[in-house]
Amino acid sequence: MNLKPIATEKAVMKIESENVLTFMTELKTTKSEIKKEIEELFKVKIEKVSTQRRNNKKIAYVKLNKKFLAIDVATKLGMM
């Protein structure tokens, strides 16, 4: 699977206000695959995964459990 973090101003605001990470992914990737991949990579628990298709691309919004901070994951990714 190919997950690329998105670090736009809107994505950073979601990290700070909603504890949500934003990723670009392949169109065929399912929500459960995204959830499994991120939980294994970053050792976090995910509350919800929402996806959106835009311009032949798929964007995944990953809401982390309250015990885990999205800003910590974003720092590991070099986004913050």
PDB file of N, CA and C in Angstrom:
ATOM      1  N   MET A   1       0.847  -1.177   0.000  1.00  0.00           N
ATOM      2  CA  MET A   1       0.000   0.000   0.000  1.00  0.00           C
ATOM      3  C   MET A   1       0.890   1.238   0.000  1.00  0.00           C
ATOM      4  N   ASN A   2       0.357   2.279  -0.574  1.00  0.00           N
ATOM      5  CA  ASN A   2       1.135   3.499  -0.734  1.00  0.00           C
ATOM      6  C   ASN A   2       0.438   4.660  -0.028  1.00  0.00           C
ATOM      7  N   LEU A   3       0.848   4.972   1.198  1.00  0.00           N
ATOM      8  CA  LEU A   3       0.273   6.080   1.964  1.00  0.00           C
ATOM      9  C   LEU A   3       1.244   7.245   1.972  1.00  0.00           C
ATOM     10  N   LYS A   4       0.765   8.403   1.560  1.00  0.00           N
ATOM     11  CA  LYS A   4       1.601   9.607   1.586  1.00  0.00           C
ATOM     12  C   LYS A   4       0.925  10.645   2.470  1.00  0.00           C
ATOM     13  N   PRO A   5       1.600  11.120   3.514  1.00  0.00           N
ATOM     14  CA  PRO A   5       0.987  12.140   4.368  1.00  0.00           C
ATOM     15  C   PRO A   5       0.803  13.456   3.623  1.00  0.00           C
ATOM     16  N   ILE A   6      -0.285  14.130   3.926  1.00  0.00           N
ATOM     17  CA  ILE A   6      -0.562  15.433   3.332  1.00  0.00           C
ATOM     18  C   ILE A   6      -0.300  16.489   4.403  1.00  0.00           C
ATOM     19  N   ALA A   7       0.497  17.505   4.058  1.00  0.00           N
ATOM     20  CA  ALA A   7       0.880  18.525   5.045  1.00  0.00           C
ATOM     21  C   ALA A   7       0.452  19.922   4.603  1.00  0.00           C
ATOM     22  N   THR A   8      -0.782  20.035   4.118  1.00  0.00           N
ATOM     23  CA  THR A   8      -1.294  21.351   3.747  1.00  0.00           C
ATOM     24  C   THR A   8      -1.738  22.092   5.007  1.00  0.00           C
ATOM     25  N   GLU A   9      -2.059  23.353   4.857  1.00  0.00           N
ATOM     26  CA  GLU A   9      -2.511  24.148   6.002  1.00  0.00           C
ATOM     27  C   GLU A   9      -3.788  23.550   6.599  1.00  0.00           C
ATOM     28  N   LYS A  10      -4.696  23.106   5.741  1.00  0.00           N
ATOM     29  CA  LYS A  10      -5.942  22.495   6.202  1.00  0.00           C
ATOM     30  C   LYS A  10      -5.669  21.195   6.972  1.00  0.00           C
ATOM     31  N   ALA A  11      -4.735  20.385   6.456  1.00  0.00           N
ATOM     32  CA  ALA A  11      -4.392  19.118   7.110  1.00  0.00           C
ATOM     33  C   ALA A  11      -3.781  19.366   8.490  1.00  0.00           C
ATOM     34  N   VAL A  12      -2.921  20.379   8.604  1.00  0.00           N
ATOM     35  CA  VAL A  12      -2.298  20.709   9.889  1.00  0.00           C
ATOM     36  C   VAL A  12      -3.357  21.199  10.877  1.00  0.00           C
ATOM     37  N   MET A  13      -4.340  21.974  10.398  1.00  0.00           N
ATOM     38  CA  MET A  13      -5.421  22.432  11.281  1.00  0.00           C
ATOM     39  C   MET A  13      -6.227  21.252  11.801  1.00  0.00           C
ATOM     40  N   LYS A  14      -6.453  20.228  10.953  1.00  0.00           N
ATOM     41  CA  LYS A  14      -7.182  19.031  11.388  1.00  0.00           C
ATOM     42  C   LYS A  14      -6.393  18.254  12.440  1.00  0.00           C
ATOM     43  N   ILE A  15      -5.064  18.232  12.296  1.00  0.00           N
ATOM     44  CA  ILE A  15      -4.214  17.563  13.289  1.00  0.00           C
ATOM     45  C   ILE A  15      -4.398  18.232  14.642  1.00  0.00           C
ATOM     46  N   GLU A  16      -4.345  19.558  14.654  1.00  0.00           N
ATOM     47  CA  GLU A  16      -4.404  20.307  15.910  1.00  0.00           C
ATOM     48  C   GLU A  16      -5.794  20.328  16.528  1.00  0.00           C
ATOM     49  N   SER A  17      -6.836  20.480  15.707  1.00  0.00           N
ATOM     50  CA  SER A  17      -8.178  20.659  16.263  1.00  0.00           C
ATOM     51  C   SER A  17      -8.983  19.369  16.412  1.00  0.00           C
ATOM     52  N   GLU A  18      -8.771  18.394  15.504  1.00  0.00           N
ATOM     53  CA  GLU A  18      -9.630  17.207  15.497  1.00  0.00           C
ATOM     54  C   GLU A  18      -8.889  15.893  15.734  1.00  0.00           C
ATOM     55  N   ASN A  19      -7.557  15.942  15.926  1.00  0.00           N
ATOM     56  CA  ASN A  19      -6.747  14.734  16.110  1.00  0.00           C
ATOM     57  C   ASN A  19      -6.856  13.804  14.892  1.00  0.00           C
ATOM     58  N   VAL A  20      -6.831  14.431  13.688  1.00  0.00           N
ATOM     59  CA  VAL A  20      -7.005  13.701  12.429  1.00  0.00           C
ATOM     60  C   VAL A  20      -5.764  13.862  11.556  1.00  0.00           C
ATOM     61  N   LEU A  21      -5.266  12.735  11.031  1.00  0.00           N
ATOM     62  CA  LEU A  21      -4.165  12.740  10.070  1.00  0.00           C
ATOM     63  C   LEU A  21      -4.745  12.552   8.676  1.00  0.00           C
ATOM     64  N   THR A  22      -4.127  13.176   7.678  1.00  0.00           N
ATOM     65  CA  THR A  22      -4.617  13.109   6.304  1.00  0.00           C
ATOM     66  C   THR A  22      -3.559  12.463   5.419  1.00  0.00           C
ATOM     67  N   PHE A  23      -3.982  11.468   4.630  1.00  0.00           N
ATOM     68  CA  PHE A  23      -3.067  10.746   3.750  1.00  0.00           C
ATOM     69  C   PHE A  23      -3.635  10.639   2.345  1.00  0.00           C
ATOM     70  N   MET A  24      -2.753  10.656   1.356  1.00  0.00           N
ATOM     71  CA  MET A  24      -3.123  10.346  -0.023  1.00  0.00           C
ATOM     72  C   MET A  24      -2.845   8.857  -0.191  1.00  0.00           C
ATOM     73  N   THR A  25      -3.763   8.150  -0.852  1.00  0.00           N
ATOM     74  CA  THR A  25      -3.589   6.711  -1.023  1.00  0.00           C
ATOM     75  C   THR A  25      -4.086   6.282  -2.395  1.00  0.00           C
ATOM     76  N   GLU A  26      -3.895   5.026  -2.727  1.00  0.00           N
ATOM     77  CA  GLU A  26      -4.344   4.485  -4.011  1.00  0.00           C
ATOM     78  C   GLU A  26      -5.864   4.321  -3.995  1.00  0.00           C
ATOM     79  N   LEU A  27      -6.489   4.445  -5.158  1.00  0.00           N
ATOM     80  CA  LEU A  27      -7.949   4.355  -5.257  1.00  0.00           C
ATOM     81  C   LEU A  27      -8.506   3.030  -4.762  1.00  0.00           C
ATOM     82  N   LYS A  28      -7.782   1.934  -4.977  1.00  0.00           N
ATOM     83  CA  LYS A  28      -8.306   0.606  -4.623  1.00  0.00           C
ATOM     84  C   LYS A  28      -8.141   0.244  -3.148  1.00  0.00           C
ATOM     85  N   THR A  29      -7.444   1.073  -2.374  1.00  0.00           N
ATOM     86  CA  THR A  29      -7.195   0.773  -0.962  1.00  0.00           C
ATOM     87  C   THR A  29      -8.482   0.914  -0.142  1.00  0.00           C
ATOM     88  N   THR A  30      -8.756  -0.079   0.712  1.00  0.00           N
ATOM     89  CA  THR A  30      -9.967  -0.031   1.542  1.00  0.00           C
ATOM     90  C   THR A  30      -9.682   0.660   2.878  1.00  0.00           C
ATOM     91  N   LYS A  31     -10.749   1.063   3.553  1.00  0.00           N
ATOM     92  CA  LYS A  31     -10.615   1.718   4.862  1.00  0.00           C
ATOM     93  C   LYS A  31      -9.953   0.784   5.875  1.00  0.00           C
ATOM     94  N   SER A  32     -10.312  -0.492   5.844  1.00  0.00           N
ATOM     95  CA  SER A  32      -9.733  -1.434   6.807  1.00  0.00           C
ATOM     96  C   SER A  32      -8.240  -1.637   6.551  1.00  0.00           C
ATOM     97  N   GLU A  33      -7.823  -1.610   5.286  1.00  0.00           N
ATOM     98  CA  GLU A  33      -6.394  -1.723   4.971  1.00  0.00           C
ATOM     99  C   GLU A  33      -5.633  -0.503   5.476  1.00  0.00           C
ATOM    100  N   ILE A  34      -6.227   0.673   5.296  1.00  0.00           N
ATOM    101  CA  ILE A  34      -5.604   1.921   5.769  1.00  0.00           C
ATOM    102  C   ILE A  34      -5.459   1.870   7.290  1.00  0.00           C
ATOM    103  N   LYS A  35      -6.534   1.475   7.964  1.00  0.00           N
ATOM    104  CA  LYS A  35      -6.525   1.406   9.432  1.00  0.00           C
ATOM    105  C   LYS A  35      -5.437   0.457   9.928  1.00  0.00           C
ATOM    106  N   LYS A  36      -5.386  -0.741   9.355  1.00  0.00           N
ATOM    107  CA  LYS A  36      -4.414  -1.749   9.772  1.00  0.00           C
ATOM    108  C   LYS A  36      -2.986  -1.250   9.562  1.00  0.00           C
ATOM    109  N   GLU A  37      -2.724  -0.677   8.402  1.00  0.00           N
ATOM    110  CA  GLU A  37      -1.387  -0.182   8.055  1.00  0.00           C
ATOM    111  C   GLU A  37      -0.908   0.891   9.036  1.00  0.00           C
ATOM    112  N   ILE A  38      -1.759   1.861   9.325  1.00  0.00           N
ATOM    113  CA  ILE A  38      -1.364   2.972  10.204  1.00  0.00           C
ATOM    114  C   ILE A  38      -1.214   2.499  11.645  1.00  0.00           C
ATOM    115  N   GLU A  39      -2.105   1.623  12.108  1.00  0.00           N
ATOM    116  CA  GLU A  39      -1.992   1.106  13.475  1.00  0.00           C
ATOM    117  C   GLU A  39      -0.682   0.332  13.654  1.00  0.00           C
ATOM    118  N   GLU A  40      -0.289  -0.432  12.654  1.00  0.00           N
ATOM    119  CA  GLU A  40       0.955  -1.198  12.744  1.00  0.00           C
ATOM    120  C   GLU A  40       2.190  -0.299  12.633  1.00  0.00           C
ATOM    121  N   LEU A  41       2.158   0.659  11.708  1.00  0.00           N
ATOM    122  CA  LEU A  41       3.314   1.537  11.485  1.00  0.00           C
ATOM    123  C   LEU A  41       3.626   2.423  12.685  1.00  0.00           C
ATOM    124  N   PHE A  42       2.584   3.028  13.259  1.00  0.00           N
ATOM    125  CA  PHE A  42       2.799   4.045  14.297  1.00  0.00           C
ATOM    126  C   PHE A  42       2.411   3.605  15.702  1.00  0.00           C
ATOM    127  N   LYS A  43       1.967   2.350  15.849  1.00  0.00           N
ATOM    128  CA  LYS A  43       1.580   1.811  17.165  1.00  0.00           C
ATOM    129  C   LYS A  43       0.527   2.697  17.846  1.00  0.00           C
ATOM    130  N   VAL A  44      -0.539   3.012  17.091  1.00  0.00           N
ATOM    131  CA  VAL A  44      -1.635   3.831  17.618  1.00  0.00           C
ATOM    132  C   VAL A  44      -2.951   3.086  17.401  1.00  0.00           C
ATOM    133  N   LYS A  45      -4.003   3.554  18.044  1.00  0.00           N
ATOM    134  CA  LYS A  45      -5.349   3.020  17.827  1.00  0.00           C
ATOM    135  C   LYS A  45      -6.152   4.065  17.051  1.00  0.00           C
ATOM    136  N   ILE A  46      -6.928   3.591  16.103  1.00  0.00           N
ATOM    137  CA  ILE A  46      -7.710   4.483  15.253  1.00  0.00           C
ATOM    138  C   ILE A  46      -9.187   4.359  15.584  1.00  0.00           C
ATOM    139  N   GLU A  47      -9.830   5.522  15.693  1.00  0.00           N
ATOM    140  CA  GLU A  47     -11.252   5.569  15.980  1.00  0.00           C
ATOM    141  C   GLU A  47     -12.070   5.419  14.696  1.00  0.00           C
ATOM    142  N   LYS A  48     -11.634   6.118  13.635  1.00  0.00           N
ATOM    143  CA  LYS A  48     -12.437   6.168  12.421  1.00  0.00           C
ATOM    144  C   LYS A  48     -11.562   6.511  11.222  1.00  0.00           C
ATOM    145  N   VAL A  49     -11.907   5.936  10.071  1.00  0.00           N
ATOM    146  CA  VAL A  49     -11.251   6.286   8.810  1.00  0.00           C
ATOM    147  C   VAL A  49     -12.333   6.743   7.836  1.00  0.00           C
ATOM    148  N   SER A  50     -12.170   7.943   7.299  1.00  0.00           N
ATOM    149  CA  SER A  50     -13.072   8.456   6.271  1.00  0.00           C
ATOM    150  C   SER A  50     -12.261   8.628   5.003  1.00  0.00           C
ATOM    151  N   THR A  51     -12.884   8.360   3.861  1.00  0.00           N
ATOM    152  CA  THR A  51     -12.165   8.554   2.611  1.00  0.00           C
ATOM    153  C   THR A  51     -12.960   9.458   1.686  1.00  0.00           C
ATOM    154  N   GLN A  52     -12.235  10.068   0.761  1.00  0.00           N
ATOM    155  CA  GLN A  52     -12.860  10.971  -0.195  1.00  0.00           C
ATOM    156  C   GLN A  52     -12.112  10.817  -1.517  1.00  0.00           C
ATOM    157  N   ARG A  53     -12.840  10.707  -2.605  1.00  0.00           N
ATOM    158  CA  ARG A  53     -12.209  10.631  -3.928  1.00  0.00           C
ATOM    159  C   ARG A  53     -12.275  12.012  -4.549  1.00  0.00           C
ATOM    160  N   ARG A  54     -11.102  12.472  -5.016  1.00  0.00           N
ATOM    161  CA  ARG A  54     -11.026  13.782  -5.636  1.00  0.00           C
ATOM    162  C   ARG A  54     -10.005  13.732  -6.767  1.00  0.00           C
ATOM    163  N   ASN A  55     -10.399  14.124  -7.976  1.00  0.00           N
ATOM    164  CA  ASN A  55      -9.501  14.170  -9.128  1.00  0.00           C
ATOM    165  C   ASN A  55      -8.725  12.867  -9.328  1.00  0.00           C
ATOM    166  N   ASN A  56      -9.430  11.760  -9.312  1.00  0.00           N
ATOM    167  CA  ASN A  56      -8.821  10.441  -9.515  1.00  0.00           C
ATOM    168  C   ASN A  56      -7.782  10.090  -8.447  1.00  0.00           C
ATOM    169  N   LYS A  57      -7.928  10.664  -7.270  1.00  0.00           N
ATOM    170  CA  LYS A  57      -7.066  10.360  -6.127  1.00  0.00           C
ATOM    171  C   LYS A  57      -7.960  10.073  -4.937  1.00  0.00           C
ATOM    172  N   LYS A  58      -7.445   9.318  -3.989  1.00  0.00           N
ATOM    173  CA  LYS A  58      -8.199   8.996  -2.786  1.00  0.00           C
ATOM    174  C   LYS A  58      -7.490   9.608  -1.592  1.00  0.00           C
ATOM    175  N   ILE A  59      -8.252  10.346  -0.793  1.00  0.00           N
ATOM    176  CA  ILE A  59      -7.708  10.984   0.404  1.00  0.00           C
ATOM    177  C   ILE A  59      -8.343  10.318   1.618  1.00  0.00           C
ATOM    178  N   ALA A  60      -7.500   9.918   2.568  1.00  0.00           N
ATOM    179  CA  ALA A  60      -7.972   9.251   3.783  1.00  0.00           C
ATOM    180  C   ALA A  60      -7.793  10.178   4.975  1.00  0.00           C
ATOM    181  N   TYR A  61      -8.869  10.359   5.728  1.00  0.00           N
ATOM    182  CA  TYR A  61      -8.832  11.135   6.969  1.00  0.00           C
ATOM    183  C   TYR A  61      -8.887  10.127   8.113  1.00  0.00           C
ATOM    184  N   VAL A  62      -7.837  10.089   8.920  1.00  0.00           N
ATOM    185  CA  VAL A  62      -7.694   9.072   9.960  1.00  0.00           C
ATOM    186  C   VAL A  62      -7.786   9.729  11.329  1.00  0.00           C
ATOM    187  N   LYS A  63      -8.890   9.461  12.037  1.00  0.00           N
ATOM    188  CA  LYS A  63      -9.086  10.019  13.378  1.00  0.00           C
ATOM    189  C   LYS A  63      -8.509   9.051  14.403  1.00  0.00           C
ATOM    190  N   LEU A  64      -7.557   9.540  15.187  1.00  0.00           N
ATOM    191  CA  LEU A  64      -6.918   8.702  16.199  1.00  0.00           C
ATOM    192  C   LEU A  64      -7.732   8.669  17.482  1.00  0.00           C
ATOM    193  N   ASN A  65      -7.568   7.599  18.237  1.00  0.00           N
ATOM    194  CA  ASN A  65      -8.158   7.465  19.562  1.00  0.00           C
ATOM    195  C   ASN A  65      -7.641   8.598  20.446  1.00  0.00           C
ATOM    196  N   LYS A  66      -8.441   9.033  21.411  1.00  0.00           N
ATOM    197  CA  LYS A  66      -8.070  10.158  22.282  1.00  0.00           C
ATOM    198  C   LYS A  66      -6.753   9.939  23.042  1.00  0.00           C
ATOM    199  N   LYS A  67      -6.384   8.673  23.281  1.00  0.00           N
ATOM    200  CA  LYS A  67      -5.149   8.368  24.013  1.00  0.00           C
ATOM    201  C   LYS A  67      -3.903   8.686  23.193  1.00  0.00           C
ATOM    202  N   PHE A  68      -4.059   8.784  21.876  1.00  0.00           N
ATOM    203  CA  PHE A  68      -2.928   9.011  20.979  1.00  0.00           C
ATOM    204  C   PHE A  68      -3.085  10.365  20.304  1.00  0.00           C
ATOM    205  N   LEU A  69      -2.008  11.140  20.263  1.00  0.00           N
ATOM    206  CA  LEU A  69      -2.062  12.466  19.674  1.00  0.00           C
ATOM    207  C   LEU A  69      -1.564  12.447  18.234  1.00  0.00           C
ATOM    208  N   ALA A  70      -2.366  13.007  17.337  1.00  0.00           N
ATOM    209  CA  ALA A  70      -1.994  13.078  15.925  1.00  0.00           C
ATOM    210  C   ALA A  70      -0.736  13.919  15.741  1.00  0.00           C
ATOM    211  N   ILE A  71      -0.564  14.914  16.598  1.00  0.00           N
ATOM    212  CA  ILE A  71       0.604  15.794  16.479  1.00  0.00           C
ATOM    213  C   ILE A  71       1.901  15.022  16.720  1.00  0.00           C
ATOM    214  N   ASP A  72       1.865  13.995  17.593  1.00  0.00           N
ATOM    215  CA  ASP A  72       3.048  13.164  17.841  1.00  0.00           C
ATOM    216  C   ASP A  72       3.404  12.351  16.586  1.00  0.00           C
ATOM    217  N   VAL A  73       2.391  11.796  15.927  1.00  0.00           N
ATOM    218  CA  VAL A  73       2.616  11.026  14.701  1.00  0.00           C
ATOM    219  C   VAL A  73       3.121  11.963  13.600  1.00  0.00           C
ATOM    220  N   ALA A  74       2.520  13.145  13.508  1.00  0.00           N
ATOM    221  CA  ALA A  74       2.927  14.122  12.485  1.00  0.00           C
ATOM    222  C   ALA A  74       4.380  14.536  12.695  1.00  0.00           C
ATOM    223  N   THR A  75       4.806  14.642  13.954  1.00  0.00           N
ATOM    224  CA  THR A  75       6.187  14.994  14.253  1.00  0.00           C
ATOM    225  C   THR A  75       7.136  13.878  13.797  1.00  0.00           C
ATOM    226  N   LYS A  76       6.731  12.620  14.014  1.00  0.00           N
ATOM    227  CA  LYS A  76       7.537  11.485  13.553  1.00  0.00           C
ATOM    228  C   LYS A  76       7.670  11.499  12.032  1.00  0.00           C
ATOM    229  N   LEU A  77       6.611  11.929  11.355  1.00  0.00           N
ATOM    230  CA  LEU A  77       6.611  11.968   9.889  1.00  0.00           C
ATOM    231  C   LEU A  77       7.353  13.186   9.340  1.00  0.00           C
ATOM    232  N   GLY A  78       7.719  14.119  10.238  1.00  0.00           N
ATOM    233  CA  GLY A  78       8.416  15.320   9.803  1.00  0.00           C
ATOM    234  C   GLY A  78       7.495  16.394   9.267  1.00  0.00           C
ATOM    235  N   MET A  79       6.207  16.310   9.594  1.00  0.00           N
ATOM    236  CA  MET A  79       5.237  17.292   9.111  1.00  0.00           C
ATOM    237  C   MET A  79       5.181  18.532   9.994  1.00  0.00           C
ATOM    238  N   MET A  80       5.587  18.381  11.247  1.00  0.00           N
ATOM    239  CA  MET A  80       5.478  19.496  12.198  1.00  0.00           C
ATOM    240  C   MET A  80       6.860  19.934  12.636  1.00  0.00           C
TER     241      MET A  80
END
